[in-house]
């Protein structure tokens, strides 16, 4: 299990998240992503990205006032 902090990418974290899942994560591995939520639209976009690419969204929760964490299984 690895944790990736994508908060520095602000609202443009999806490409990096997908790159990690495709190229860095091993099959069956669980990955934790941390990103900023802003207007909450990134939450739905991240869930859609996971589903569209055939990964399993295991958990999605608010980390603090501005950050969100999702747990994905490849």
N, C-alpha and C. Protein backbone atom coordinates (compact mmCIF):
# COMPACT_ATOMS: atom_id res chain seq x y z
N UNK A 1 0.85 -1.17 0.00
CA UNK A 1 0.00 0.00 0.00
C UNK A 1 0.89 1.23 0.00
N UNK A 2 0.59 2.14 -0.92
CA UNK A 2 1.34 3.38 -1.01
C UNK A 2 0.39 4.56 -0.94
N UNK A 3 0.90 5.67 -0.43
CA UNK A 3 0.12 6.90 -0.32
C UNK A 3 0.75 7.95 -1.22
N UNK A 4 -0.09 8.62 -1.99
CA UNK A 4 0.37 9.67 -2.89
C UNK A 4 -0.33 10.98 -2.55
N UNK A 5 0.45 11.99 -2.27
CA UNK A 5 -0.08 13.31 -1.95
C UNK A 5 -0.12 14.13 -3.24
N UNK A 6 -1.32 14.37 -3.74
CA UNK A 6 -1.51 15.10 -4.98
C UNK A 6 -2.04 16.51 -4.73
N UNK A 7 -1.99 16.96 -3.49
CA UNK A 7 -2.53 18.28 -3.15
C UNK A 7 -1.82 19.41 -3.88
N UNK A 8 -0.54 19.25 -4.14
CA UNK A 8 0.23 20.30 -4.82
C UNK A 8 -0.24 20.53 -6.26
N UNK A 9 -0.97 19.57 -6.82
CA UNK A 9 -1.49 19.69 -8.19
C UNK A 9 -2.81 20.45 -8.24
N UNK A 10 -3.33 20.79 -7.08
CA UNK A 10 -4.62 21.51 -6.96
C UNK A 10 -5.72 20.74 -7.70
N UNK A 11 -6.37 21.39 -8.65
CA UNK A 11 -7.51 20.81 -9.35
C UNK A 11 -7.10 19.92 -10.53
N UNK A 12 -5.82 19.83 -10.82
CA UNK A 12 -5.33 19.08 -11.98
C UNK A 12 -4.61 17.80 -11.58
N UNK A 13 -5.19 17.03 -10.70
CA UNK A 13 -4.55 15.83 -10.16
C UNK A 13 -4.90 14.56 -10.92
N UNK A 14 -5.93 14.59 -11.74
CA UNK A 14 -6.45 13.36 -12.34
C UNK A 14 -5.46 12.66 -13.27
N UNK A 15 -4.75 13.41 -14.09
CA UNK A 15 -3.78 12.78 -14.99
C UNK A 15 -2.70 12.04 -14.21
N UNK A 16 -2.22 12.67 -13.14
CA UNK A 16 -1.18 12.03 -12.33
C UNK A 16 -1.74 10.82 -11.60
N UNK A 17 -2.96 10.91 -11.11
CA UNK A 17 -3.58 9.79 -10.42
C UNK A 17 -3.71 8.59 -11.37
N UNK A 18 -4.15 8.84 -12.59
CA UNK A 18 -4.29 7.77 -13.58
C UNK A 18 -2.92 7.19 -13.95
N UNK A 19 -1.93 8.06 -14.10
CA UNK A 19 -0.58 7.60 -14.42
C UNK A 19 -0.04 6.67 -13.33
N UNK A 20 -0.26 7.02 -12.10
CA UNK A 20 0.18 6.18 -10.97
C UNK A 20 -0.51 4.82 -11.03
N UNK A 21 -1.81 4.82 -11.25
CA UNK A 21 -2.55 3.56 -11.28
C UNK A 21 -2.10 2.69 -12.46
N UNK A 22 -1.85 3.29 -13.59
CA UNK A 22 -1.48 2.52 -14.78
C UNK A 22 -0.04 2.05 -14.77
N UNK A 23 0.87 2.89 -14.29
CA UNK A 23 2.30 2.61 -14.46
C UNK A 23 3.04 2.24 -13.18
N UNK A 24 2.58 2.70 -12.04
CA UNK A 24 3.33 2.48 -10.81
C UNK A 24 2.71 1.43 -9.88
N UNK A 25 1.40 1.38 -9.84
CA UNK A 25 0.72 0.43 -8.96
C UNK A 25 0.75 -0.97 -9.57
N UNK A 26 0.95 -1.95 -8.72
CA UNK A 26 0.94 -3.34 -9.15
C UNK A 26 -0.49 -3.88 -9.10
N UNK A 27 -0.77 -4.90 -9.89
CA UNK A 27 -2.10 -5.51 -9.88
C UNK A 27 -2.42 -6.00 -8.47
N UNK A 28 -3.59 -5.64 -7.98
CA UNK A 28 -4.02 -6.03 -6.64
C UNK A 28 -3.56 -5.08 -5.54
N UNK A 29 -2.71 -4.11 -5.88
CA UNK A 29 -2.20 -3.17 -4.88
C UNK A 29 -3.26 -2.14 -4.51
N UNK A 30 -3.25 -1.73 -3.25
CA UNK A 30 -4.12 -0.68 -2.75
C UNK A 30 -3.31 0.61 -2.68
N UNK A 31 -3.88 1.68 -3.23
CA UNK A 31 -3.21 2.97 -3.29
C UNK A 31 -4.10 4.03 -2.64
N UNK A 32 -3.49 4.91 -1.86
CA UNK A 32 -4.21 6.00 -1.20
C UNK A 32 -3.82 7.30 -1.88
N UNK A 33 -4.82 8.07 -2.29
CA UNK A 33 -4.58 9.37 -2.91
C UNK A 33 -5.15 10.47 -2.02
N UNK A 34 -4.38 11.52 -1.87
CA UNK A 34 -4.80 12.69 -1.11
C UNK A 34 -4.83 13.87 -2.07
N UNK A 35 -5.97 14.58 -2.14
CA UNK A 35 -6.09 15.73 -3.03
C UNK A 35 -7.00 16.78 -2.43
N UNK A 36 -6.93 18.01 -2.96
CA UNK A 36 -7.77 19.11 -2.49
C UNK A 36 -9.16 18.98 -3.11
N UNK A 37 -10.18 19.32 -2.32
CA UNK A 37 -11.54 19.17 -2.84
C UNK A 37 -12.12 20.44 -3.42
N UNK A 38 -11.76 21.59 -2.95
CA UNK A 38 -12.30 22.84 -3.50
C UNK A 38 -13.81 22.85 -3.47
N UNK A 39 -14.45 22.78 -4.65
CA UNK A 39 -15.91 22.85 -4.75
C UNK A 39 -16.58 21.48 -4.75
N UNK A 40 -15.89 20.47 -4.34
CA UNK A 40 -16.38 19.09 -4.24
C UNK A 40 -16.51 18.37 -5.58
N UNK A 41 -16.39 19.05 -6.71
CA UNK A 41 -16.47 18.35 -8.00
C UNK A 41 -15.32 17.35 -8.19
N UNK A 42 -14.12 17.59 -7.64
CA UNK A 42 -13.06 16.59 -7.80
C UNK A 42 -13.39 15.23 -7.19
N UNK A 43 -14.27 15.20 -6.22
CA UNK A 43 -14.64 13.93 -5.59
C UNK A 43 -15.36 13.04 -6.60
N UNK A 44 -16.33 13.58 -7.29
CA UNK A 44 -17.05 12.80 -8.30
C UNK A 44 -16.16 12.47 -9.47
N UNK A 45 -15.33 13.42 -9.89
CA UNK A 45 -14.42 13.16 -11.01
C UNK A 45 -13.45 12.04 -10.68
N UNK A 46 -12.95 12.01 -9.47
CA UNK A 46 -12.00 10.95 -9.09
C UNK A 46 -12.70 9.59 -9.06
N UNK A 47 -13.92 9.56 -8.54
CA UNK A 47 -14.68 8.31 -8.51
C UNK A 47 -14.97 7.82 -9.93
N UNK A 48 -15.34 8.74 -10.81
CA UNK A 48 -15.61 8.38 -12.21
C UNK A 48 -14.34 7.86 -12.88
N UNK A 49 -13.21 8.50 -12.63
CA UNK A 49 -11.94 8.08 -13.21
C UNK A 49 -11.59 6.66 -12.79
N UNK A 50 -11.78 6.37 -11.53
CA UNK A 50 -11.49 5.03 -11.01
C UNK A 50 -12.37 4.00 -11.70
N UNK A 51 -13.67 4.26 -11.75
CA UNK A 51 -14.62 3.33 -12.34
C UNK A 51 -14.37 3.13 -13.84
N UNK A 52 -14.16 4.23 -14.57
CA UNK A 52 -13.97 4.17 -16.02
C UNK A 52 -12.73 3.37 -16.41
N UNK A 53 -11.76 3.29 -15.51
CA UNK A 53 -10.51 2.60 -15.82
C UNK A 53 -10.43 1.21 -15.21
N UNK A 54 -11.54 0.75 -14.64
CA UNK A 54 -11.62 -0.62 -14.17
C UNK A 54 -10.98 -0.89 -12.82
N UNK A 55 -10.77 0.16 -12.02
CA UNK A 55 -10.20 -0.03 -10.69
C UNK A 55 -11.34 -0.02 -9.67
N UNK A 56 -11.03 -0.40 -8.45
CA UNK A 56 -12.05 -0.50 -7.41
C UNK A 56 -11.87 0.62 -6.39
N UNK A 57 -12.89 1.45 -6.22
CA UNK A 57 -12.88 2.49 -5.21
C UNK A 57 -13.28 1.85 -3.89
N UNK A 58 -12.35 1.78 -2.96
CA UNK A 58 -12.59 1.09 -1.70
C UNK A 58 -13.08 2.03 -0.60
N UNK A 59 -12.67 3.29 -0.66
CA UNK A 59 -13.07 4.24 0.37
C UNK A 59 -12.87 5.65 -0.16
N UNK A 60 -13.67 6.57 0.34
CA UNK A 60 -13.59 7.97 -0.03
C UNK A 60 -14.03 8.77 1.18
N UNK A 61 -13.14 9.61 1.71
CA UNK A 61 -13.51 10.34 2.91
C UNK A 61 -12.80 11.67 3.02
N UNK A 62 -13.42 12.57 3.75
CA UNK A 62 -12.87 13.89 3.99
C UNK A 62 -11.74 13.75 4.99
N UNK A 63 -10.56 14.27 4.62
CA UNK A 63 -9.37 14.16 5.45
C UNK A 63 -9.31 15.31 6.46
N UNK A 64 -9.61 16.51 6.02
CA UNK A 64 -9.71 17.69 6.88
C UNK A 64 -10.61 18.69 6.15
N UNK A 65 -10.50 19.96 6.47
CA UNK A 65 -11.41 20.95 5.88
C UNK A 65 -11.27 21.12 4.37
N UNK A 66 -10.09 20.89 3.81
CA UNK A 66 -9.88 21.14 2.38
C UNK A 66 -9.38 19.94 1.59
N UNK A 67 -9.09 18.85 2.26
CA UNK A 67 -8.49 17.70 1.59
C UNK A 67 -9.40 16.48 1.63
N UNK A 68 -9.24 15.63 0.62
CA UNK A 68 -10.02 14.41 0.49
C UNK A 68 -9.07 13.25 0.27
N UNK A 69 -9.43 12.08 0.77
CA UNK A 69 -8.65 10.88 0.58
C UNK A 69 -9.50 9.82 -0.09
N UNK A 70 -8.95 9.17 -1.12
CA UNK A 70 -9.61 8.02 -1.69
C UNK A 70 -8.65 6.83 -1.65
N UNK A 71 -9.22 5.67 -1.49
CA UNK A 71 -8.45 4.42 -1.45
C UNK A 71 -8.90 3.61 -2.66
N UNK A 72 -7.94 3.23 -3.50
CA UNK A 72 -8.23 2.56 -4.76
C UNK A 72 -7.44 1.25 -4.84
N UNK A 73 -8.08 0.22 -5.34
CA UNK A 73 -7.41 -1.06 -5.56
C UNK A 73 -7.28 -1.28 -7.07
N UNK A 74 -6.06 -1.59 -7.49
CA UNK A 74 -5.84 -1.84 -8.91
C UNK A 74 -6.26 -3.26 -9.25
